[in-house]
């Protein structure tokens, strides 16, 4: 029983994996933000080129 208590105390006090988990979450959030930003930029760029093509075809 004492060994189980020692293992539980050691497990609860161990924070070595917390930092890597935090970095992984931050990297995931940055990745999502980059994907959303790139998608929005691509849509705006596409509409700009379509507008330019329509003006060229009209002349």
Protein backbone atom coordinates (compact mmCIF):
# COMPACT_ATOMS: atom_id res chain seq x y z
CA UNK A 1 0.00 0.00 0.00
CA UNK A 2 2.88 2.35 0.75
CA UNK A 3 4.33 1.69 -2.66
CA UNK A 4 1.02 2.65 -4.30
CA UNK A 5 0.92 5.91 -2.32
CA UNK A 6 4.47 6.68 -3.40
CA UNK A 7 3.66 6.00 -7.04
CA UNK A 8 0.56 8.19 -6.93
CA UNK A 9 2.45 11.06 -5.28
CA UNK A 10 5.21 10.76 -7.86
CA UNK A 11 2.69 10.72 -10.74
CA UNK A 12 0.75 13.72 -9.42
CA UNK A 13 3.90 15.77 -8.84
CA UNK A 14 5.47 14.97 -12.22
CA UNK A 15 5.06 17.87 -14.65
CA UNK A 16 7.68 16.92 -17.25
CA UNK A 17 5.12 16.22 -19.99
CA UNK A 18 3.08 19.36 -19.36
CA UNK A 19 5.46 21.67 -21.21
CA UNK A 20 5.55 19.55 -24.34
CA UNK A 21 1.78 19.29 -24.29
CA UNK A 22 1.49 23.07 -24.05
CA UNK A 23 3.88 23.53 -26.97
CA UNK A 24 1.88 21.01 -29.02
CA UNK A 25 -1.35 22.88 -28.32
CA UNK A 26 0.22 26.21 -29.25
CA UNK A 27 1.62 24.72 -32.48
CA UNK A 28 -1.82 23.35 -33.30
CA UNK A 29 -3.48 26.71 -32.77
CA UNK A 30 -0.87 28.48 -34.89
CA UNK A 31 -1.37 25.91 -37.65
CA UNK A 32 -5.13 26.41 -37.63
CA UNK A 33 -4.69 30.19 -37.75
CA UNK A 34 -2.31 29.92 -40.70
CA UNK A 35 -4.67 27.62 -42.61
CA UNK A 36 -7.65 29.91 -42.02
CA UNK A 37 -5.64 32.98 -43.03
CA UNK A 38 -4.28 31.33 -46.17
CA UNK A 39 -7.77 30.17 -47.17
CA UNK A 40 -9.18 33.67 -46.74
CA UNK A 41 -6.29 35.15 -48.72
CA UNK A 42 -6.80 32.61 -51.49
CA UNK A 43 -10.51 33.47 -51.76
CA UNK A 44 -9.76 37.20 -51.94
CA UNK A 45 -7.00 36.62 -54.50
CA UNK A 46 -9.28 34.42 -56.61
CA UNK A 47 -12.03 37.04 -56.71
CA UNK A 48 -9.50 39.74 -57.66
CA UNK A 49 -8.20 37.66 -60.59
CA UNK A 50 -11.76 36.83 -61.70
CA UNK A 51 -12.65 40.53 -61.65
CA UNK A 52 -9.55 41.38 -63.68
CA UNK A 53 -10.32 38.61 -66.19
CA UNK A 54 -13.87 39.90 -66.60
CA UNK A 55 -12.57 43.42 -67.31
CA UNK A 56 -10.09 42.10 -69.88
CA UNK A 57 -12.79 40.05 -71.62
CA UNK A 58 -15.13 43.06 -71.72
CA UNK A 59 -12.64 45.14 -73.69
